[in-house]
Amino acid sequence: MRKDDDDILTVLRSIYNNPNQNQRTLAKNLKVSLGKLNYLVKSLKLKGLIKIQNFKNNKNKIKYVYILTPKGISKKTRLTINFIKRKSKEYDQLKEELENSE
């Protein structure tokens, strides 16, 4: 799995769990720069993985909600499965190394 996939999975998971956070808060929670997060969000939108909607009745017109599309949910699921497989493989390799070092 590439670093980009890890970043995408992290953003998709965070948006899925809390779609009402603004980009500044999201960037802070994910410990990435606001510029990097903005780049990732725009990329996810272009790929059709998220939709961005603003609140129509809100006086603060810059308030947005981020919604995973069905394609985004599918991508998040695939990335999660790949992440778990990769971590499981790393665990098995470490376990084998420990057993061989005894």
C-alpha atoms as a PDB file:
ATOM      1  CA  MET A   1       0.000   0.000   0.000  1.00  0.00           C
ATOM      2  CA  ARG A   2       1.298   3.402  -0.880  1.00  0.00           C
ATOM      3  CA  LYS A   3       1.590   6.328   1.505  1.00  0.00           C
ATOM      4  CA  ASP A   4      -1.065   8.096  -0.602  1.00  0.00           C
ATOM      5  CA  ASP A   5      -3.486   5.251   0.082  1.00  0.00           C
ATOM      6  CA  ASP A   6      -2.838   5.563   3.817  1.00  0.00           C
ATOM      7  CA  ASP A   7      -3.547   9.300   3.629  1.00  0.00           C
ATOM      8  CA  ILE A   8      -6.714   8.738   1.599  1.00  0.00           C
ATOM      9  CA  LEU A   9      -7.944   6.061   4.010  1.00  0.00           C
ATOM     10  CA  THR A  10      -7.278   8.329   6.986  1.00  0.00           C
ATOM     11  CA  VAL A  11      -9.210  11.225   5.444  1.00  0.00           C
ATOM     12  CA  LEU A  12     -12.108   9.012   4.304  1.00  0.00           C
ATOM     13  CA  ARG A  13     -12.401   7.436   7.754  1.00  0.00           C
ATOM     14  CA  SER A  14     -12.359  10.803   9.473  1.00  0.00           C
ATOM     15  CA  ILE A  15     -14.973  12.271   7.124  1.00  0.00           C
ATOM     16  CA  TYR A  16     -17.136   9.174   7.523  1.00  0.00           C
ATOM     17  CA  ASN A  17     -16.974   9.420  11.326  1.00  0.00           C
ATOM     18  CA  ASN A  18     -17.525  13.191  11.492  1.00  0.00           C
ATOM     19  CA  PRO A  19     -18.767  14.810   8.260  1.00  0.00           C
ATOM     20  CA  ASN A  20     -19.414  18.193   9.929  1.00  0.00           C
ATOM     21  CA  GLN A  21     -15.804  19.072  10.763  1.00  0.00           C
ATOM     22  CA  ASN A  22     -14.252  21.920   8.854  1.00  0.00           C
ATOM     23  CA  GLN A  23     -10.974  21.497   7.009  1.00  0.00           C
ATOM     24  CA  ARG A  24      -8.960  23.310   9.673  1.00  0.00           C
ATOM     25  CA  THR A  25     -10.225  20.971  12.404  1.00  0.00           C
ATOM     26  CA  LEU A  26      -9.843  17.932  10.170  1.00  0.00           C
ATOM     27  CA  ALA A  27      -6.239  18.902   9.355  1.00  0.00           C
ATOM     28  CA  LYS A  28      -5.467  19.429  13.045  1.00  0.00           C
ATOM     29  CA  ASN A  29      -7.025  16.082  14.046  1.00  0.00           C
ATOM     30  CA  LEU A  30      -5.119  14.251  11.302  1.00  0.00           C
ATOM     31  CA  LYS A  31      -1.885  16.132  12.064  1.00  0.00           C
ATOM     32  CA  VAL A  32      -1.405  17.305   8.467  1.00  0.00           C
ATOM     33  CA  SER A  33      -1.079  20.806   7.078  1.00  0.00           C
ATOM     34  CA  LEU A  34      -4.195  22.606   5.951  1.00  0.00           C
ATOM     35  CA  GLY A  35      -2.725  22.830   2.440  1.00  0.00           C
ATOM     36  CA  LYS A  36      -2.160  19.070   2.243  1.00  0.00           C
ATOM     37  CA  LEU A  37      -5.658  18.369   3.507  1.00  0.00           C
ATOM     38  CA  ASN A  38      -7.160  20.808   1.014  1.00  0.00           C
ATOM     39  CA  TYR A  39      -5.251  19.034  -1.779  1.00  0.00           C
ATOM     40  CA  LEU A  40      -6.511  15.627  -0.587  1.00  0.00           C
ATOM     41  CA  VAL A  41     -10.125  16.820  -0.258  1.00  0.00           C
ATOM     42  CA  LYS A  42     -10.092  18.314  -3.761  1.00  0.00           C
ATOM     43  CA  SER A  43      -8.584  15.084  -5.107  1.00  0.00           C
ATOM     44  CA  LEU A  44     -11.234  12.959  -3.378  1.00  0.00           C
ATOM     45  CA  LYS A  45     -13.964  15.183  -4.768  1.00  0.00           C
ATOM     46  CA  LEU A  46     -12.576  14.954  -8.322  1.00  0.00           C
ATOM     47  CA  LYS A  47     -12.426  11.160  -8.027  1.00  0.00           C
ATOM     48  CA  GLY A  48     -16.067  11.121  -6.941  1.00  0.00           C
ATOM     49  CA  LEU A  49     -15.293   9.700  -3.502  1.00  0.00           C
ATOM     50  CA  ILE A  50     -16.813  12.587  -1.536  1.00  0.00           C
ATOM     51  CA  LYS A  51     -19.426  15.282  -2.039  1.00  0.00           C
ATOM     52  CA  ILE A  52     -19.105  18.700  -0.488  1.00  0.00           C
ATOM     53  CA  GLN A  53     -22.281  20.541   0.451  1.00  0.00           C
ATOM     54  CA  ASN A  54     -22.791  23.821   2.242  1.00  0.00           C
ATOM     55  CA  PHE A  55     -25.631  24.446   4.636  1.00  0.00           C
ATOM     56  CA  LYS A  56     -28.267  26.390   2.711  1.00  0.00           C
ATOM     57  CA  ASN A  57     -29.899  28.024   5.737  1.00  0.00           C
ATOM     58  CA  ASN A  58     -26.662  28.811   7.541  1.00  0.00           C
ATOM     59  CA  LYS A  59     -25.627  32.475   7.807  1.00  0.00           C
ATOM     60  CA  ASN A  60     -22.012  31.324   7.637  1.00  0.00           C
ATOM     61  CA  LYS A  61     -21.876  30.340   3.950  1.00  0.00           C
ATOM     62  CA  ILE A  62     -18.419  28.800   4.283  1.00  0.00           C
ATOM     63  CA  LYS A  63     -19.720  26.004   6.527  1.00  0.00           C
ATOM     64  CA  TYR A  64     -19.592  22.713   4.637  1.00  0.00           C
ATOM     65  CA  VAL A  65     -20.424  19.088   5.234  1.00  0.00           C
ATOM     66  CA  TYR A  66     -18.374  16.332   3.609  1.00  0.00           C
ATOM     67  CA  ILE A  67     -20.243  13.206   2.551  1.00  0.00           C
ATOM     68  CA  LEU A  68     -18.788   9.935   1.332  1.00  0.00           C
ATOM     69  CA  THR A  69     -20.370   8.808  -1.915  1.00  0.00           C
ATOM     70  CA  PRO A  70     -21.146   5.123  -2.503  1.00  0.00           C
ATOM     71  CA  LYS A  71     -17.894   5.028  -4.495  1.00  0.00           C
ATOM     72  CA  GLY A  72     -16.109   6.606  -1.516  1.00  0.00           C
ATOM     73  CA  ILE A  73     -17.517   4.045   0.905  1.00  0.00           C
ATOM     74  CA  SER A  74     -16.423   1.255  -1.421  1.00  0.00           C
ATOM     75  CA  LYS A  75     -12.912   2.741  -1.698  1.00  0.00           C
ATOM     76  CA  LYS A  76     -12.700   3.128   2.102  1.00  0.00           C
ATOM     77  CA  THR A  77     -13.693  -0.513   2.518  1.00  0.00           C
ATOM     78  CA  ARG A  78     -11.082  -1.739  -0.003  1.00  0.00           C
ATOM     79  CA  LEU A  79      -8.343   0.394   1.559  1.00  0.00           C
ATOM     80  CA  THR A  80      -9.276  -0.852   5.034  1.00  0.00           C
ATOM     81  CA  ILE A  81      -9.115  -4.485   3.912  1.00  0.00           C
ATOM     82  CA  ASN A  82      -5.721  -3.887   2.268  1.00  0.00           C
ATOM     83  CA  PHE A  83      -4.478  -2.120   5.399  1.00  0.00           C
ATOM     84  CA  ILE A  84      -5.543  -5.028   7.617  1.00  0.00           C
ATOM     85  CA  LYS A  85      -3.929  -7.554   5.263  1.00  0.00           C
ATOM     86  CA  ARG A  86      -0.684  -5.562   5.241  1.00  0.00           C
ATOM     87  CA  LYS A  87      -0.599  -5.242   9.038  1.00  0.00           C
ATOM     88  CA  SER A  88      -1.389  -8.936   9.447  1.00  0.00           C
ATOM     89  CA  LYS A  89       1.477  -9.834   7.108  1.00  0.00           C
ATOM     90  CA  GLU A  90       3.839  -7.527   9.039  1.00  0.00           C
ATOM     91  CA  TYR A  91       2.737  -9.180  12.293  1.00  0.00           C
ATOM     92  CA  ASP A  92       3.362 -12.661  10.903  1.00  0.00           C
ATOM     93  CA  GLN A  93       6.824 -11.619   9.676  1.00  0.00           C
ATOM     94  CA  LEU A  94       7.738 -10.115  13.053  1.00  0.00           C
ATOM     95  CA  LYS A  95       6.453 -13.175  14.861  1.00  0.00           C
ATOM     96  CA  GLU A  96       8.556 -15.417  12.613  1.00  0.00           C
ATOM     97  CA  GLU A  97      11.647 -13.260  13.182  1.00  0.00           C
ATOM     98  CA  LEU A  98      11.168 -13.477  16.951  1.00  0.00           C
ATOM     99  CA  GLU A  99      10.700 -17.243  16.852  1.00  0.00           C
ATOM    100  CA  ASN A 100      13.843 -17.644  14.718  1.00  0.00           C
ATOM    101  CA  SER A 101      15.918 -15.466  17.026  1.00  0.00           C
ATOM    102  CA  GLU A 102      15.231 -17.637  20.092  1.00  0.00           C
END
